[in-house]
Protein backbone atom coordinates (compact mmCIF):
# COMPACT_ATOMS: atom_id res chain seq x y z
CA UNK A 1 0.00 0.00 0.00
CA UNK A 2 1.40 3.41 -0.90
CA UNK A 3 0.90 6.69 0.97
CA UNK A 4 -2.03 7.74 -1.27
CA UNK A 5 -3.85 4.45 -0.58
CA UNK A 6 -3.31 4.87 3.16
CA UNK A 7 -4.71 8.41 3.06
CA UNK A 8 -7.73 7.34 1.05
CA UNK A 9 -8.44 4.46 3.41
CA UNK A 10 -8.21 6.80 6.39
CA UNK A 11 -10.95 8.95 4.83
CA UNK A 12 -8.65 11.80 3.85
CA UNK A 13 -8.87 13.62 0.54
CA UNK A 14 -5.90 13.15 -1.80
CA UNK A 15 -4.74 15.91 -4.14
CA UNK A 16 -1.81 15.54 -6.52
CA UNK A 17 0.32 18.31 -8.02
CA UNK A 18 3.06 17.43 -10.49
CA UNK A 19 5.63 19.75 -12.00
CA UNK A 20 5.92 19.32 -15.77
CA UNK A 21 9.71 19.16 -16.35
CA UNK A 22 11.09 21.70 -18.76
CA UNK A 23 8.16 24.07 -18.21
CA UNK A 24 6.77 26.48 -15.65
CA UNK A 25 3.54 24.46 -15.62
CA UNK A 26 2.02 22.39 -12.81
CA UNK A 27 -0.50 19.60 -13.35
CA UNK A 28 -3.17 19.23 -10.64
CA UNK A 29 -5.37 16.18 -10.06
CA UNK A 30 -8.38 16.40 -7.74
CA UNK A 31 -9.84 13.45 -5.86
CA UNK A 32 -12.93 13.71 -8.10
CA UNK A 33 -10.85 12.93 -11.19
CA UNK A 34 -10.75 16.48 -12.58
CA UNK A 35 -7.36 17.57 -13.90
CA UNK A 36 -6.00 20.93 -14.99
CA UNK A 37 -2.67 22.66 -15.66
CA UNK A 38 -1.59 25.91 -14.03
CA UNK A 39 1.43 28.21 -13.84
CA UNK A 40 0.66 29.74 -10.43
CA UNK A 41 0.72 27.44 -7.37
CA UNK A 42 -1.70 29.74 -5.50
CA UNK A 43 -4.27 29.34 -8.28
CA UNK A 44 -3.84 25.54 -8.14
CA UNK A 45 -4.71 25.46 -4.44
CA UNK A 46 -7.65 27.84 -4.95
CA UNK A 47 -8.92 25.47 -7.65
CA UNK A 48 -8.36 22.28 -5.64
CA UNK A 49 -9.75 23.59 -2.35
CA UNK A 50 -12.66 25.34 -4.09
CA UNK A 51 -14.08 21.95 -5.10
CA UNK A 52 -16.48 21.48 -6.89
CA UNK A 53 -16.41 24.92 -8.55
CA UNK A 54 -14.55 24.74 -11.86
CA UNK A 55 -14.19 20.96 -11.72
CA UNK A 56 -15.21 18.86 -14.66
CA UNK A 57 -14.08 15.30 -13.98
CA UNK A 58 -12.57 13.51 -16.92
CA UNK A 59 -14.81 10.84 -18.47
CA UNK A 60 -14.28 7.19 -17.58
CA UNK A 61 -11.29 5.62 -19.32
CA UNK A 62 -11.95 3.77 -22.55
CA UNK A 63 -11.13 0.43 -20.90
CA UNK A 64 -14.24 0.74 -18.69
CA UNK A 65 -12.81 2.16 -15.47
CA UNK A 66 -15.59 3.70 -13.40
CA UNK A 67 -15.78 7.43 -12.73
CA UNK A 68 -14.98 8.17 -9.04
CA UNK A 69 -18.14 8.25 -6.88
CA UNK A 70 -17.36 11.82 -5.77
CA UNK A 71 -17.62 12.91 -9.41
CA UNK A 72 -21.19 11.63 -9.62
CA UNK A 73 -22.44 13.47 -6.52
PDB file of N, CA and C in Angstrom:
ATOM      1  N   UNK A   1       0.852  -1.167   0.000  1.00  0.00           N
ATOM      2  CA  UNK A   1       0.000   0.000   0.000  1.00  0.00           C
ATOM      3  C   UNK A   1       0.904   1.239   0.000  1.00  0.00           C
ATOM      4  N   UNK A   2       0.604   2.186  -0.882  1.00  0.00           N
ATOM      5  CA  UNK A   2       1.402   3.414  -0.897  1.00  0.00           C
ATOM      6  C   UNK A   2       0.740   4.488  -0.028  1.00  0.00           C
ATOM      7  N   UNK A   3       1.390   5.620   0.086  1.00  0.00           N
ATOM      8  CA  UNK A   3       0.901   6.688   0.969  1.00  0.00           C
ATOM      9  C   UNK A   3      -0.468   7.190   0.534  1.00  0.00           C
ATOM     10  N   UNK A   4      -0.724   7.288  -0.789  1.00  0.00           N
ATOM     11  CA  UNK A   4      -2.031   7.742  -1.268  1.00  0.00           C
ATOM     12  C   UNK A   4      -3.127   6.772  -0.867  1.00  0.00           C
ATOM     13  N   UNK A   5      -2.867   5.457  -0.968  1.00  0.00           N
ATOM     14  CA  UNK A   5      -3.851   4.454  -0.578  1.00  0.00           C
ATOM     15  C   UNK A   5      -4.155   4.561   0.908  1.00  0.00           C
ATOM     16  N   UNK A   6      -3.125   4.762   1.715  1.00  0.00           N
ATOM     17  CA  UNK A   6      -3.307   4.874   3.165  1.00  0.00           C
ATOM     18  C   UNK A   6      -4.164   6.085   3.484  1.00  0.00           C
ATOM     19  N   UNK A   7      -3.920   7.203   2.827  1.00  0.00           N
ATOM     20  CA  UNK A   7      -4.706   8.413   3.062  1.00  0.00           C
ATOM     21  C   UNK A   7      -6.155   8.225   2.651  1.00  0.00           C
ATOM     22  N   UNK A   8      -6.375   7.576   1.516  1.00  0.00           N
ATOM     23  CA  UNK A   8      -7.732   7.344   1.046  1.00  0.00           C
ATOM     24  C   UNK A   8      -8.477   6.404   1.994  1.00  0.00           C
ATOM     25  N   UNK A   9      -7.797   5.397   2.500  1.00  0.00           N
ATOM     26  CA  UNK A   9      -8.439   4.455   3.410  1.00  0.00           C
ATOM     27  C   UNK A   9      -8.744   5.098   4.753  1.00  0.00           C
ATOM     28  N   UNK A  10      -7.982   6.108   5.124  1.00  0.00           N
ATOM     29  CA  UNK A  10      -8.211   6.797   6.391  1.00  0.00           C
ATOM     30  C   UNK A  10      -9.299   7.860   6.251  1.00  0.00           C
ATOM     31  N   UNK A  11      -9.885   7.987   5.056  1.00  0.00           N
ATOM     32  CA  UNK A  11     -10.950   8.947   4.832  1.00  0.00           C
ATOM     33  C   UNK A  11     -10.469  10.335   4.485  1.00  0.00           C
ATOM     34  N   UNK A  12      -9.185  10.493   4.217  1.00  0.00           N
ATOM     35  CA  UNK A  12      -8.646  11.801   3.852  1.00  0.00           C
ATOM     36  C   UNK A  12      -8.729  11.996   2.348  1.00  0.00           C
ATOM     37  N   UNK A  13      -8.845  13.256   1.940  1.00  0.00           N
ATOM     38  CA  UNK A  13      -8.875  13.616   0.535  1.00  0.00           C
ATOM     39  C   UNK A  13      -7.452  13.682   0.007  1.00  0.00           C
ATOM     40  N   UNK A  14      -7.234  13.155  -1.202  1.00  0.00           N
ATOM     41  CA  UNK A  14      -5.899  13.148  -1.796  1.00  0.00           C
ATOM     42  C   UNK A  14      -5.891  14.057  -3.021  1.00  0.00           C
ATOM     43  N   UNK A  15      -4.981  15.029  -3.000  1.00  0.00           N
ATOM     44  CA  UNK A  15      -4.742  15.907  -4.137  1.00  0.00           C
ATOM     45  C   UNK A  15      -3.343  15.611  -4.646  1.00  0.00           C
ATOM     46  N   UNK A  16      -3.143  15.741  -5.959  1.00  0.00           N
ATOM     47  CA  UNK A  16      -1.808  15.545  -6.523  1.00  0.00           C
ATOM     48  C   UNK A  16      -1.449  16.760  -7.371  1.00  0.00           C
ATOM     49  N   UNK A  17      -0.216  17.228  -7.204  1.00  0.00           N
ATOM     50  CA  UNK A  17       0.317  18.309  -8.024  1.00  0.00           C
ATOM     51  C   UNK A  17       1.666  17.839  -8.538  1.00  0.00           C
ATOM     52  N   UNK A  18       1.819  17.873  -9.861  1.00  0.00           N
ATOM     53  CA  UNK A  18       3.061  17.435 -10.488  1.00  0.00           C
ATOM     54  C   UNK A  18       3.638  18.585 -11.298  1.00  0.00           C
ATOM     55  N   UNK A  19       4.927  18.791 -11.167  1.00  0.00           N
ATOM     56  CA  UNK A  19       5.634  19.754 -12.004  1.00  0.00           C
ATOM     57  C   UNK A  19       5.893  19.096 -13.343  1.00  0.00           C
ATOM     58  N   UNK A  20       5.663  19.826 -14.423  1.00  0.00           N
ATOM     59  CA  UNK A  20       5.925  19.319 -15.766  1.00  0.00           C
ATOM     60  C   UNK A  20       7.335  19.747 -16.150  1.00  0.00           C
ATOM     61  N   UNK A  21       8.305  18.821 -16.089  1.00  0.00           N
ATOM     62  CA  UNK A  21       9.711  19.158 -16.350  1.00  0.00           C
ATOM     63  C   UNK A  21       9.908  19.928 -17.653  1.00  0.00           C
ATOM     64  N   UNK A  22      10.787  20.893 -17.590  1.00  0.00           N
ATOM     65  CA  UNK A  22      11.094  21.702 -18.762  1.00  0.00           C
ATOM     66  C   UNK A  22      10.108  22.834 -18.991  1.00  0.00           C
ATOM     67  N   UNK A  23       9.162  23.007 -18.070  1.00  0.00           N
ATOM     68  CA  UNK A  23       8.160  24.070 -18.209  1.00  0.00           C
ATOM     69  C   UNK A  23       7.990  24.775 -16.861  1.00  0.00           C
ATOM     70  N   UNK A  24       7.173  25.812 -16.881  1.00  0.00           N
ATOM     71  CA  UNK A  24       6.770  26.481 -15.645  1.00  0.00           C
ATOM     72  C   UNK A  24       5.358  26.048 -15.264  1.00  0.00           C
ATOM     73  N   UNK A  25       4.904  24.933 -15.813  1.00  0.00           N
ATOM     74  CA  UNK A  25       3.536  24.459 -15.618  1.00  0.00           C
ATOM     75  C   UNK A  25       3.458  23.404 -14.520  1.00  0.00           C
ATOM     76  N   UNK A  26       2.322  23.385 -13.835  1.00  0.00           N
ATOM     77  CA  UNK A  26       2.025  22.391 -12.809  1.00  0.00           C
ATOM     78  C   UNK A  26       0.722  21.698 -13.195  1.00  0.00           C
ATOM     79  N   UNK A  27       0.680  20.391 -13.022  1.00  0.00           N
ATOM     80  CA  UNK A  27      -0.499  19.601 -13.350  1.00  0.00           C
ATOM     81  C   UNK A  27      -1.165  19.174 -12.045  1.00  0.00           C
ATOM     82  N   UNK A  28      -2.427  19.560 -11.863  1.00  0.00           N
ATOM     83  CA  UNK A  28      -3.169  19.233 -10.644  1.00  0.00           C
ATOM     84  C   UNK A  28      -4.209  18.167 -10.933  1.00  0.00           C
ATOM     85  N   UNK A  29      -4.351  17.224  -9.987  1.00  0.00           N
ATOM     86  CA  UNK A  29      -5.375  16.182 -10.061  1.00  0.00           C
ATOM     87  C   UNK A  29      -6.177  16.220  -8.777  1.00  0.00           C
ATOM     88  N   UNK A  30      -7.491  16.377  -8.899  1.00  0.00           N
ATOM     89  CA  UNK A  30      -8.379  16.396  -7.743  1.00  0.00           C
ATOM     90  C   UNK A  30      -8.863  14.977  -7.449  1.00  0.00           C
ATOM     91  N   UNK A  31      -9.322  14.755  -6.233  1.00  0.00           N
ATOM     92  CA  UNK A  31      -9.841  13.447  -5.857  1.00  0.00           C
ATOM     93  C   UNK A  31     -11.047  13.045  -6.696  1.00  0.00           C
ATOM     94  N   UNK A  32     -11.746  14.016  -7.303  1.00  0.00           N
ATOM     95  CA  UNK A  32     -12.931  13.713  -8.105  1.00  0.00           C
ATOM     96  C   UNK A  32     -12.567  13.247  -9.511  1.00  0.00           C
ATOM     97  N   UNK A  33     -11.287  13.345  -9.857  1.00  0.00           N
ATOM     98  CA  UNK A  33     -10.847  12.928 -11.186  1.00  0.00           C
ATOM     99  C   UNK A  33     -10.603  14.092 -12.135  1.00  0.00           C
ATOM    100  N   UNK A  34     -10.993  15.309 -11.745  1.00  0.00           N
ATOM    101  CA  UNK A  34     -10.751  16.480 -12.583  1.00  0.00           C
ATOM    102  C   UNK A  34      -9.256  16.784 -12.594  1.00  0.00           C
ATOM    103  N   UNK A  35      -8.772  17.222 -13.749  1.00  0.00           N
ATOM    104  CA  UNK A  35      -7.362  17.574 -13.903  1.00  0.00           C
ATOM    105  C   UNK A  35      -7.259  18.897 -14.639  1.00  0.00           C
ATOM    106  N   UNK A  36      -6.224  19.660 -14.326  1.00  0.00           N
ATOM    107  CA  UNK A  36      -6.003  20.934 -14.994  1.00  0.00           C
ATOM    108  C   UNK A  36      -4.551  21.342 -14.813  1.00  0.00           C
ATOM    109  N   UNK A  37      -4.042  22.150 -15.749  1.00  0.00           N
ATOM    110  CA  UNK A  37      -2.673  22.663 -15.658  1.00  0.00           C
ATOM    111  C   UNK A  37      -2.701  24.134 -15.294  1.00  0.00           C
ATOM    112  N   UNK A  38      -1.696  24.535 -14.512  1.00  0.00           N
ATOM    113  CA  UNK A  38      -1.588  25.909 -14.029  1.00  0.00           C
ATOM    114  C   UNK A  38      -0.130  26.346 -14.063  1.00  0.00           C
ATOM    115  N   UNK A  39       0.088  27.666 -14.008  1.00  0.00           N
ATOM    116  CA  UNK A  39       1.432  28.208 -13.837  1.00  0.00           C
ATOM    117  C   UNK A  39       1.636  28.717 -12.415  1.00  0.00           C
ATOM    118  N   UNK A  40       0.573  29.125 -11.758  1.00  0.00           N
ATOM    119  CA  UNK A  40       0.657  29.737 -10.431  1.00  0.00           C
ATOM    120  C   UNK A  40       0.209  28.749  -9.361  1.00  0.00           C
ATOM    121  N   UNK A  41       1.093  28.397  -8.406  1.00  0.00           N
ATOM    122  CA  UNK A  41       0.716  27.441  -7.366  1.00  0.00           C
ATOM    123  C   UNK A  41      -0.444  27.917  -6.488  1.00  0.00           C
ATOM    124  N   UNK A  42      -0.593  29.228  -6.303  1.00  0.00           N
ATOM    125  CA  UNK A  42      -1.704  29.737  -5.496  1.00  0.00           C
ATOM    126  C   UNK A  42      -3.031  29.446  -6.201  1.00  0.00           C
ATOM    127  N   UNK A  43      -3.058  29.603  -7.511  1.00  0.00           N
ATOM    128  CA  UNK A  43      -4.270  29.345  -8.282  1.00  0.00           C
ATOM    129  C   UNK A  43      -4.617  27.854  -8.237  1.00  0.00           C
ATOM    130  N   UNK A  44      -3.592  26.985  -8.257  1.00  0.00           N
ATOM    131  CA  UNK A  44      -3.844  25.538  -8.142  1.00  0.00           C
ATOM    132  C   UNK A  44      -4.589  25.242  -6.845  1.00  0.00           C
ATOM    133  N   UNK A  45      -4.082  25.756  -5.731  1.00  0.00           N
ATOM    134  CA  UNK A  45      -4.709  25.457  -4.442  1.00  0.00           C
ATOM    135  C   UNK A  45      -6.096  26.071  -4.344  1.00  0.00           C
ATOM    136  N   UNK A  46      -6.299  27.258  -4.915  1.00  0.00           N
ATOM    137  CA  UNK A  46      -7.649  27.838  -4.947  1.00  0.00           C
ATOM    138  C   UNK A  46      -8.593  26.910  -5.702  1.00  0.00           C
ATOM    139  N   UNK A  47      -8.114  26.364  -6.834  1.00  0.00           N
ATOM    140  CA  UNK A  47      -8.924  25.467  -7.649  1.00  0.00           C
ATOM    141  C   UNK A  47      -9.209  24.161  -6.899  1.00  0.00           C
ATOM    142  N   UNK A  48      -8.171  23.549  -6.338  1.00  0.00           N
ATOM    143  CA  UNK A  48      -8.357  22.279  -5.636  1.00  0.00           C
ATOM    144  C   UNK A  48      -9.259  22.423  -4.408  1.00  0.00           C
ATOM    145  N   UNK A  49      -8.997  23.427  -3.603  1.00  0.00           N
ATOM    146  CA  UNK A  49      -9.752  23.591  -2.355  1.00  0.00           C
ATOM    147  C   UNK A  49     -11.130  24.208  -2.582  1.00  0.00           C
ATOM    148  N   UNK A  50     -11.366  24.767  -3.761  1.00  0.00           N
ATOM    149  CA  UNK A  50     -12.665  25.339  -4.093  1.00  0.00           C
ATOM    150  C   UNK A  50     -13.622  24.304  -4.667  1.00  0.00           C
ATOM    151  N   UNK A  51     -13.274  23.046  -4.555  1.00  0.00           N
ATOM    152  CA  UNK A  51     -14.080  21.954  -5.103  1.00  0.00           C
ATOM    153  C   UNK A  51     -15.534  22.088  -4.663  1.00  0.00           C
ATOM    154  N   UNK A  52     -16.511  21.959  -5.520  1.00  0.00           N
ATOM    155  CA  UNK A  52     -16.476  21.477  -6.888  1.00  0.00           C
ATOM    156  C   UNK A  52     -16.467  22.575  -7.945  1.00  0.00           C
ATOM    157  N   UNK A  53     -16.374  23.851  -7.555  1.00  0.00           N
ATOM    158  CA  UNK A  53     -16.405  24.917  -8.554  1.00  0.00           C
ATOM    159  C   UNK A  53     -15.247  24.802  -9.529  1.00  0.00           C
ATOM    160  N   UNK A  54     -15.570  24.819 -10.823  1.00  0.00           N
ATOM    161  CA  UNK A  54     -14.552  24.744 -11.863  1.00  0.00           C
ATOM    162  C   UNK A  54     -14.083  23.339 -12.174  1.00  0.00           C
ATOM    163  N   UNK A  55     -14.634  22.336 -11.496  1.00  0.00           N
ATOM    164  CA  UNK A  55     -14.195  20.963 -11.715  1.00  0.00           C
ATOM    165  C   UNK A  55     -15.114  20.256 -12.697  1.00  0.00           C
ATOM    166  N   UNK A  56     -14.499  19.693 -13.697  1.00  0.00           N
ATOM    167  CA  UNK A  56     -15.207  18.863 -14.661  1.00  0.00           C
ATOM    168  C   UNK A  56     -14.416  17.564 -14.748  1.00  0.00           C
ATOM    169  N   UNK A  57     -14.841  16.558 -13.984  1.00  0.00           N
ATOM    170  CA  UNK A  57     -14.083  15.301 -13.983  1.00  0.00           C
ATOM    171  C   UNK A  57     -13.938  14.739 -15.392  1.00  0.00           C
ATOM    172  N   UNK A  58     -12.796  14.129 -15.619  1.00  0.00           N
ATOM    173  CA  UNK A  58     -12.567  13.510 -16.921  1.00  0.00           C
ATOM    174  C   UNK A  58     -13.513  12.316 -17.054  1.00  0.00           C
ATOM    175  N   UNK A  59     -13.924  11.997 -18.286  1.00  0.00           N
ATOM    176  CA  UNK A  59     -14.810  10.843 -18.470  1.00  0.00           C
ATOM    177  C   UNK A  59     -14.086   9.547 -18.125  1.00  0.00           C
ATOM    178  N   UNK A  60     -14.860   8.494 -17.896  1.00  0.00           N
ATOM    179  CA  UNK A  60     -14.278   7.192 -17.583  1.00  0.00           C
ATOM    180  C   UNK A  60     -13.335   6.778 -18.699  1.00  0.00           C
ATOM    181  N   UNK A  61     -12.270   6.095 -18.339  1.00  0.00           N
ATOM    182  CA  UNK A  61     -11.287   5.625 -19.318  1.00  0.00           C
ATOM    183  C   UNK A  61     -11.952   4.668 -20.313  1.00  0.00           C
ATOM    184  N   UNK A  62     -11.385   4.598 -21.494  1.00  0.00           N
ATOM    185  CA  UNK A  62     -11.950   3.765 -22.551  1.00  0.00           C
ATOM    186  C   UNK A  62     -12.019   2.291 -22.170  1.00  0.00           C
ATOM    187  N   UNK A  63     -11.148   1.845 -21.256  1.00  0.00           N
ATOM    188  CA  UNK A  63     -11.130   0.431 -20.895  1.00  0.00           C
ATOM    189  C   UNK A  63     -12.197   0.087 -19.867  1.00  0.00           C
ATOM    190  N   UNK A  64     -13.108   1.037 -19.555  1.00  0.00           N
ATOM    191  CA  UNK A  64     -14.242   0.735 -18.690  1.00  0.00           C
ATOM    192  C   UNK A  64     -14.041   1.039 -17.225  1.00  0.00           C
ATOM    193  N   UNK A  65     -13.001   1.785 -16.871  1.00  0.00           N
ATOM    194  CA  UNK A  65     -12.810   2.156 -15.471  1.00  0.00           C
ATOM    195  C   UNK A  65     -13.951   3.065 -15.043  1.00  0.00           C
ATOM    196  N   UNK A  66     -14.479   2.864 -13.856  1.00  0.00           N
ATOM    197  CA  UNK A  66     -15.589   3.704 -13.402  1.00  0.00           C
ATOM    198  C   UNK A  66     -15.136   5.106 -13.045  1.00  0.00           C
ATOM    199  N   UNK A  67     -16.035   6.069 -13.157  1.00  0.00           N
ATOM    200  CA  UNK A  67     -15.784   7.434 -12.729  1.00  0.00           C
ATOM    201  C   UNK A  67     -15.848   7.425 -11.202  1.00  0.00           C
ATOM    202  N   UNK A  68     -14.936   8.142 -10.502  1.00  0.00           N
ATOM    203  CA  UNK A  68     -14.977   8.166  -9.036  1.00  0.00           C
ATOM    204  C   UNK A  68     -16.362   8.590  -8.529  1.00  0.00           C
ATOM    205  N   UNK A  69     -16.811   7.977  -7.439  1.00  0.00           N
ATOM    206  CA  UNK A  69     -18.136   8.247  -6.882  1.00  0.00           C
ATOM    207  C   UNK A  69     -18.319   9.721  -6.559  1.00  0.00           C
ATOM    208  N   UNK A  70     -17.268  10.393  -6.109  1.00  0.00           N
ATOM    209  CA  UNK A  70     -17.359  11.820  -5.767  1.00  0.00           C
ATOM    210  C   UNK A  70     -17.715  12.646  -6.995  1.00  0.00           C
ATOM    211  N   UNK A  71     -17.346  12.174  -8.183  1.00  0.00           N
ATOM    212  CA  UNK A  71     -17.621  12.914  -9.413  1.00  0.00           C
ATOM    213  C   UNK A  71     -19.102  12.824  -9.786  1.00  0.00           C
ATOM    214  N   UNK A  72     -19.787  11.829  -9.267  1.00  0.00           N
ATOM    215  CA  UNK A  72     -21.191  11.626  -9.615  1.00  0.00           C
ATOM    216  C   UNK A  72     -22.127  12.350  -8.659  1.00  0.00           C
ATOM    217  N   UNK A  73     -21.602  12.833  -7.541  1.00  0.00           N
ATOM    218  CA  UNK A  73     -22.444  13.470  -6.519  1.00  0.00           C
ATOM    219  C   UNK A  73     -22.824  14.874  -6.916  1.00  0.00           C
TER     220      UNK A  73
END
